[in-house]
Amino acid sequence: MLFVNEDGFPITEYLPEDHEGRKSYGIIKDPDPTKGRPLRHKSEEREQERKDRPS
């Protein structure tokens, strides 16, 4: 799940560089970084977990 800005575009600045959402939309900044996103500092770690998880 991605957070979206007021225009409906996903906020991608916290995603890892090779994430498909970031490749699709480019870097879209968080309009209100104080609002939450409690796991944003763990984005790299969570992306690695997603890749390593058996499907």
Foldseek 3Di string as FASTA:
>chain_A
DFDADPVRQGQPQLADPPDPSCVVPPHDHDPDVVPDPPCSVCRVVVVVVVVPDDD
